Amino acid sequence: MKKDIVEKNCLICKSPCKIFQKNIFDDRYGAPGKYSIYKCSDCGYGRIKPLIDQEKIGKFYSEYYPLNLKTAEQVKKEANIKPKWLAWLMGTNNTAHWLIKPKSTVLDIGSASGISLMEIKKMGGDAYGVEPNPSAQKIAKKLGLHVYEGFITDNLFPKQEFDFITASQVLEHDPNPKTFLEAIRKKLKKNGIAILSFPNCDSIYRKIFKKKWINWHVPYHCNFFTKTSFIKITKFTGYKVLKMQTVTPNIWTILQVRRLFAKPEEGKKDAIWKVHNKSLGGVTIIILKLLRNIIMVVLIPINRLIDLFGQGDSFIVVLEKKYE
């Protein structure tokens, strides 16, 4: 085997890894650099190379991965729990905190602008958040929210344990997923529940679109889980898997189709990620919206069928803390 295509010791099961994708770059925010994905020959876990140094993550994210932080009034207006049937139809039922129960204490990891915390409160939960972006504190104070500035691995809310800890599309960003899951376990009450969502590296769309799969999303996504690899890591970190299924947001698939026609360049933002393009004429925008609606209608039965067979783009998992 060539040395440049083999990486020993899978982070999860310690089996050999081989290069799976290479020369992938960020066309969403235009961060410089090319990256490779190494995949475990046994459990299928994928890992980015090179990783961003942990001490540089904060600065890197603030420059190339800006959070869309809103005003307090916007957060109030946008905090809205969709009916279950509509969330299922649109593929947004991979939103972790929508599965919590009333009268429970909930910590949401990556709480950003605080919309998730406002929704938890609307559902009857006692909401806490953790978010590294310092701008989130300004909104949290205006809304009276409990938000810790930092990471789940910090000593946050030292006197508080939680019935639920939720994290929507966060695990894939953490350089050390084992430490991340262990830190969650420590903050859960006895028999507490963790609810997580993250991309599925074995999804049918990953297999179809290969290098153009939108969820490689380098260098922000460090980890790429299969069902097998995730079940293994939960055993090592002290959890019982209560539920694991796939959910494919329809909007992800629309972006995926758009990306087929992209011609990305390293270090530049690609136009496909823009929600609104001011250079387009009014008639063109109307036509594009119409086409999007037509595609959405077509996608609904396709994506729901894909999810039924466990081949969707995102996992949603419910984990119970094992108590010894």
Protein backbone atom coordinates (compact mmCIF):
# COMPACT_ATOMS: atom_id res chain seq x y z
CA MET A 1 0.00 0.00 0.00
CA LYS A 2 1.18 3.52 -0.74
CA LYS A 3 2.00 5.57 2.32
CA ASP A 4 0.17 8.62 0.98
CA ILE A 5 -3.18 6.83 0.76
CA VAL A 6 -3.18 4.96 4.08
CA GLU A 7 -3.86 6.37 7.52
CA LYS A 8 -3.53 3.88 10.38
CA ASN A 9 -5.78 3.70 13.39
CA CYS A 10 -9.39 4.68 12.86
CA LEU A 11 -10.39 7.06 15.66
CA ILE A 12 -13.21 4.69 16.64
CA CYS A 13 -12.16 1.08 16.02
CA LYS A 14 -8.40 1.43 15.33
CA SER A 15 -8.65 -0.34 11.96
CA PRO A 16 -6.66 0.89 8.92
CA CYS A 17 -8.11 3.76 6.88
CA LYS A 18 -7.74 4.50 3.17
CA ILE A 19 -8.13 7.74 1.30
CA PHE A 20 -11.73 8.00 0.07
CA GLN A 21 -11.98 11.50 -1.41
CA LYS A 22 -9.27 14.04 -2.12
CA ASN A 23 -8.82 17.62 -3.33
CA ILE A 24 -12.11 18.75 -1.78
CA PHE A 25 -12.38 22.43 -0.88
CA ASP A 26 -14.81 24.93 0.63
CA ASP A 27 -16.99 26.56 -2.02
CA ARG A 28 -19.60 27.73 0.49
CA TYR A 29 -17.59 30.33 2.41
CA GLY A 30 -14.43 30.40 0.31
CA ALA A 31 -11.89 29.21 2.89
CA PRO A 32 -8.54 28.36 1.25
CA GLY A 33 -7.05 24.87 1.20
CA LYS A 34 -7.72 21.40 -0.15
CA TYR A 35 -8.66 18.42 2.01
CA SER A 36 -8.92 14.64 1.88
CA ILE A 37 -11.34 12.22 3.52
CA TYR A 38 -9.95 8.99 4.93
CA LYS A 39 -12.41 6.16 5.53
CA CYS A 40 -12.10 3.18 7.88
CA SER A 41 -12.01 -0.20 6.15
CA ASP A 42 -13.99 -1.78 9.00
CA CYS A 43 -16.62 0.56 10.52
CA GLY A 44 -16.78 3.09 7.66
CA TYR A 45 -16.01 6.15 9.79
CA GLY A 46 -14.63 9.05 7.74
CA ARG A 47 -12.14 11.66 8.91
CA ILE A 48 -10.87 14.85 7.31
CA LYS A 49 -7.17 15.50 6.75
CA PRO A 50 -5.69 17.90 7.63
CA LEU A 51 -7.66 19.01 10.66
CA ILE A 52 -7.80 22.63 11.72
CA ASP A 53 -5.74 23.07 14.90
CA GLN A 54 -8.10 23.24 17.86
CA GLU A 55 -6.64 26.52 19.11
CA LYS A 56 -7.30 28.07 15.69
CA ILE A 57 -10.90 26.92 15.28
CA GLY A 58 -12.49 29.97 16.90
CA LYS A 59 -10.61 32.44 14.72
CA PHE A 60 -11.13 30.34 11.58
CA TYR A 61 -14.89 30.04 12.13
CA SER A 62 -15.30 33.72 12.89
CA GLU A 63 -13.60 34.55 9.58
CA TYR A 64 -15.04 31.89 7.28
CA TYR A 65 -18.12 30.43 8.99
CA PRO A 66 -20.14 33.37 10.31
CA LEU A 67 -23.28 32.50 12.25
CA ASN A 68 -26.46 34.17 11.09
CA LEU A 69 -27.22 35.82 14.40
CA LYS A 70 -30.48 37.74 14.43
CA THR A 71 -32.07 40.45 16.54
CA ALA A 72 -34.03 39.49 19.63
CA GLU A 73 -37.29 40.39 17.89
CA GLN A 74 -36.45 38.20 14.89
CA VAL A 75 -35.67 35.29 17.19
CA LYS A 76 -39.05 35.66 18.91
CA LYS A 77 -40.86 35.67 15.56
CA GLU A 78 -38.94 32.76 14.05
CA ALA A 79 -39.18 30.45 17.06
CA ASN A 80 -41.90 28.16 15.78
CA ILE A 81 -42.43 24.42 16.22
CA LYS A 82 -43.85 22.98 13.02
CA PRO A 83 -46.66 20.40 13.15
CA LYS A 84 -45.23 16.88 13.10
CA TRP A 85 -46.82 16.01 9.77
CA LEU A 86 -45.36 19.11 8.11
CA ALA A 87 -41.88 18.53 9.58
CA TRP A 88 -42.00 14.94 8.31
CA LEU A 89 -43.17 16.08 4.87
CA MET A 90 -40.39 18.68 4.52
CA GLY A 91 -37.72 16.53 6.12
CA THR A 92 -37.06 18.95 8.98
CA ASN A 93 -37.90 16.41 11.69
CA ASN A 94 -34.17 15.91 12.18
CA THR A 95 -34.32 18.95 14.49
CA ALA A 96 -33.11 17.39 17.74
CA HIS A 97 -34.80 19.65 20.32
CA TRP A 98 -38.26 19.05 18.85
CA LEU A 99 -38.16 15.60 20.49
CA ILE A 100 -37.83 16.78 24.09
CA LYS A 101 -40.63 16.41 26.64
CA PRO A 102 -42.39 19.18 28.59
CA LYS A 103 -41.28 20.00 32.14
CA SER A 104 -37.72 18.82 31.46
CA THR A 105 -34.38 20.59 31.72
CA VAL A 106 -32.74 20.81 28.30
CA LEU A 107 -29.27 21.82 27.14
CA ASP A 108 -28.99 22.61 23.44
CA ILE A 109 -25.44 22.50 22.05
CA GLY A 110 -24.75 25.06 19.34
CA SER A 111 -27.73 27.21 20.32
CA ALA A 112 -26.59 30.05 17.99
CA SER A 113 -29.10 32.91 17.97
CA GLY A 114 -31.33 31.22 20.56
CA ILE A 115 -34.23 30.15 18.33
CA SER A 116 -33.88 26.56 19.60
CA LEU A 117 -34.01 27.77 23.22
CA MET A 118 -37.13 29.83 22.60
CA GLU A 119 -38.77 26.78 20.99
CA ILE A 120 -37.79 24.59 23.96
CA LYS A 121 -39.45 27.12 26.27
CA LYS A 122 -42.57 27.08 24.09
CA MET A 123 -42.61 23.28 24.47
CA GLY A 124 -42.58 23.63 28.25
CA GLY A 125 -38.90 22.90 28.83
CA ASP A 126 -36.35 24.72 30.98
CA ALA A 127 -33.87 25.81 28.31
CA TYR A 128 -30.09 26.20 28.50
CA GLY A 129 -27.66 26.71 25.63
CA VAL A 130 -23.96 26.52 24.85
CA GLU A 131 -22.54 28.55 21.97
CA PRO A 132 -18.94 29.62 21.25
CA ASN A 133 -19.90 32.73 19.26
CA PRO A 134 -19.70 35.70 21.69
CA SER A 135 -22.35 37.60 19.72
CA ALA A 136 -24.96 35.12 20.92
CA GLN A 137 -24.67 36.53 24.45
CA LYS A 138 -26.13 39.88 23.41
CA ILE A 139 -29.35 38.28 22.16
CA ALA A 140 -29.48 35.84 25.09
CA LYS A 141 -29.45 38.69 27.61
CA LYS A 142 -32.25 40.52 25.80
CA LEU A 143 -34.37 37.38 25.72
CA GLY A 144 -33.53 36.24 29.25
CA LEU A 145 -31.92 33.00 28.02
CA HIS A 146 -29.30 30.89 29.82
CA VAL A 147 -26.41 30.61 27.35
CA TYR A 148 -22.85 29.58 28.17
CA GLU A 149 -20.18 31.00 25.90
CA GLY A 150 -17.91 28.09 25.04
CA PHE A 151 -18.10 24.35 24.43
CA ILE A 152 -19.75 21.26 25.93
CA THR A 153 -16.30 20.11 27.08
CA ASP A 154 -16.01 23.15 29.36
CA ASN A 155 -17.25 23.19 32.95
CA LEU A 156 -20.54 24.80 31.95
CA PHE A 157 -23.46 25.22 34.39
CA PRO A 158 -21.51 23.29 37.09
CA LYS A 159 -24.50 22.77 39.40
CA GLN A 160 -26.91 21.73 36.67
CA GLU A 161 -27.64 18.32 35.15
CA PHE A 162 -30.08 17.79 32.30
CA ASP A 163 -32.94 15.49 31.34
CA PHE A 164 -32.17 16.09 27.66
CA ILE A 165 -29.13 17.30 25.77
CA THR A 166 -29.70 18.09 22.10
CA ALA A 167 -27.38 18.90 19.22
CA SER A 168 -28.60 19.43 15.65
CA GLN A 169 -25.82 19.09 13.05
CA VAL A 170 -23.03 19.67 15.58
CA LEU A 171 -21.24 16.34 16.15
CA GLU A 172 -19.69 16.35 12.67
CA HIS A 173 -17.91 19.64 13.50
CA ASP A 174 -16.13 18.46 16.64
CA PRO A 175 -12.46 17.41 16.22
CA ASN A 176 -12.86 14.76 18.93
CA PRO A 177 -16.32 13.12 18.81
CA LYS A 178 -15.47 10.72 21.65
CA THR A 179 -14.71 13.58 24.03
CA PHE A 180 -17.86 15.37 22.82
CA LEU A 181 -20.09 12.37 23.63
CA GLU A 182 -18.36 11.74 26.96
CA ALA A 183 -18.90 15.38 27.95
CA ILE A 184 -22.62 15.10 27.14
CA ARG A 185 -22.90 11.94 29.24
CA LYS A 186 -21.39 13.69 32.27
CA LYS A 187 -24.01 16.45 32.11
CA LEU A 188 -27.01 14.13 31.80
CA LYS A 189 -29.11 13.05 34.74
CA LYS A 190 -29.45 9.36 35.56
CA ASN A 191 -31.08 7.73 32.50
CA GLY A 192 -30.91 11.10 30.73
CA ILE A 193 -31.45 11.33 26.98
CA ALA A 194 -29.19 12.76 24.27
CA ILE A 195 -30.73 13.58 20.89
CA LEU A 196 -28.36 14.26 18.00
CA SER A 197 -28.58 14.78 14.25
CA PHE A 198 -25.65 14.66 11.82
CA PRO A 199 -24.94 13.65 8.18
CA ASN A 200 -25.08 10.02 7.06
CA CYS A 201 -21.91 9.07 5.18
CA ASP A 202 -23.69 6.01 3.74
CA SER A 203 -26.61 7.97 2.28
CA ILE A 204 -27.77 7.28 -1.26
CA TYR A 205 -27.09 10.90 -2.20
CA ARG A 206 -23.48 10.59 -1.04
CA LYS A 207 -23.13 7.52 -3.25
CA ILE A 208 -24.75 9.24 -6.24
CA PHE A 209 -23.03 12.62 -6.02
CA LYS A 210 -19.69 11.37 -4.69
CA LYS A 211 -17.18 14.23 -4.58
CA LYS A 212 -19.98 16.79 -5.07
CA TRP A 213 -21.94 15.63 -2.01
CA ILE A 214 -22.81 18.83 -0.13
CA ASN A 215 -22.22 17.31 3.30
CA TRP A 216 -18.48 16.89 2.88
CA HIS A 217 -18.57 20.62 3.76
CA VAL A 218 -14.83 20.81 4.44
CA PRO A 219 -13.03 21.91 6.51
CA TYR A 220 -15.89 22.48 8.96
CA HIS A 221 -17.05 18.85 9.01
CA CYS A 222 -14.39 16.74 10.67
CA ASN A 223 -16.32 13.47 11.08
CA PHE A 224 -18.40 11.36 8.71
CA PHE A 225 -20.42 8.62 10.39
CA THR A 226 -22.01 5.45 9.10
CA LYS A 227 -24.59 3.58 11.17
CA THR A 228 -21.97 0.98 12.14
CA SER A 229 -19.35 3.52 13.20
CA PHE A 230 -21.78 5.57 15.26
CA ILE A 231 -23.15 2.53 17.12
CA LYS A 232 -19.56 1.55 17.94
CA ILE A 233 -18.65 4.96 19.32
CA THR A 234 -21.76 5.01 21.54
CA LYS A 235 -20.73 1.70 23.10
CA PHE A 236 -17.31 3.14 23.94
CA THR A 237 -18.82 6.29 25.46
CA GLY A 238 -21.55 4.75 27.62
CA TYR A 239 -24.84 4.99 25.73
CA LYS A 240 -27.70 2.77 24.65
CA VAL A 241 -29.16 3.58 21.21
CA LEU A 242 -32.93 3.88 21.62
CA LYS A 243 -33.66 5.13 18.11
CA MET A 244 -31.68 5.72 14.93
CA GLN A 245 -33.23 6.67 11.61
CA THR A 246 -32.48 8.83 8.61
CA VAL A 247 -34.18 12.07 7.58
CA THR A 248 -33.48 13.96 4.36
CA PRO A 249 -34.33 17.68 4.40
CA ASN A 250 -35.85 18.51 1.02
CA ILE A 251 -33.92 21.80 0.91
CA TRP A 252 -30.66 19.83 1.14
CA THR A 253 -31.59 17.89 -1.97
CA ILE A 254 -32.47 21.07 -3.85
CA LEU A 255 -29.04 22.47 -2.99
CA GLN A 256 -27.50 19.17 -4.02
CA VAL A 257 -29.12 19.33 -7.46
CA ARG A 258 -28.04 22.97 -7.85
CA ARG A 259 -24.46 21.99 -7.02
CA LEU A 260 -24.35 19.70 -10.04
CA PHE A 261 -24.26 22.78 -12.23
CA ALA A 262 -21.67 24.63 -10.15
CA LYS A 263 -18.10 25.22 -11.26
CA PRO A 264 -16.47 25.92 -7.91
CA GLU A 265 -13.05 27.47 -7.47
CA GLU A 266 -10.84 27.10 -4.43
CA GLY A 267 -10.94 30.15 -2.17
CA LYS A 268 -14.14 31.54 -3.69
CA LYS A 269 -17.79 31.45 -2.65
CA ASP A 270 -19.99 29.75 -5.22
CA ALA A 271 -23.23 31.45 -6.28
CA ILE A 272 -25.33 28.32 -5.62
CA TRP A 273 -25.23 29.03 -1.89
CA LYS A 274 -26.79 32.48 -2.24
CA VAL A 275 -30.44 32.55 -1.23
CA HIS A 276 -31.04 35.71 -3.25
CA ASN A 277 -29.06 36.84 -6.28
CA LYS A 278 -29.66 40.55 -6.89
CA SER A 279 -28.18 40.36 -10.38
CA LEU A 280 -31.12 38.24 -11.57
CA GLY A 281 -34.18 39.91 -13.07
CA GLY A 282 -37.62 39.75 -11.49
CA VAL A 283 -39.04 37.35 -14.10
CA THR A 284 -36.04 35.03 -13.71
CA ILE A 285 -36.51 34.95 -9.93
CA ILE A 286 -40.20 34.08 -10.34
CA ILE A 287 -39.35 31.26 -12.76
CA LEU A 288 -36.68 29.90 -10.40
CA LYS A 289 -39.11 29.96 -7.47
CA LEU A 290 -41.68 28.11 -9.56
CA LEU A 291 -39.14 25.48 -10.56
CA ARG A 292 -38.07 25.10 -6.95
CA ASN A 293 -41.67 24.48 -5.88
CA ILE A 294 -42.13 21.89 -8.62
CA ILE A 295 -38.91 20.13 -7.62
CA MET A 296 -39.99 20.21 -3.97
CA VAL A 297 -43.25 18.42 -4.78
CA VAL A 298 -41.34 15.74 -6.71
CA LEU A 299 -38.79 15.32 -3.93
CA ILE A 300 -41.25 14.71 -1.10
CA PRO A 301 -42.19 11.09 -1.98
CA ILE A 302 -38.65 10.29 -3.13
CA ASN A 303 -36.97 11.52 0.06
CA ARG A 304 -39.54 9.97 2.37
CA LEU A 305 -39.05 6.60 0.63
CA ILE A 306 -35.27 6.94 0.87
CA ASP A 307 -35.61 7.65 4.60
CA LEU A 308 -37.88 4.64 5.06
CA PHE A 309 -35.03 2.40 3.87
CA GLY A 310 -32.44 4.16 6.05
CA GLN A 311 -30.59 5.74 3.12
CA GLY A 312 -31.30 9.41 3.90
CA ASP A 313 -28.80 12.24 4.17
CA SER A 314 -29.06 12.90 7.93
CA PHE A 315 -29.27 10.68 10.99
CA ILE A 316 -31.49 11.53 13.94
CA VAL A 317 -30.56 9.44 16.98
CA VAL A 318 -31.91 9.11 20.50
CA LEU A 319 -29.41 7.88 23.10
CA GLU A 320 -29.95 6.88 26.71
CA LYS A 321 -27.20 7.34 29.24
CA LYS A 322 -26.15 3.99 30.65
CA TYR A 323 -25.98 4.06 34.42
CA GLU A 324 -23.59 1.76 36.24
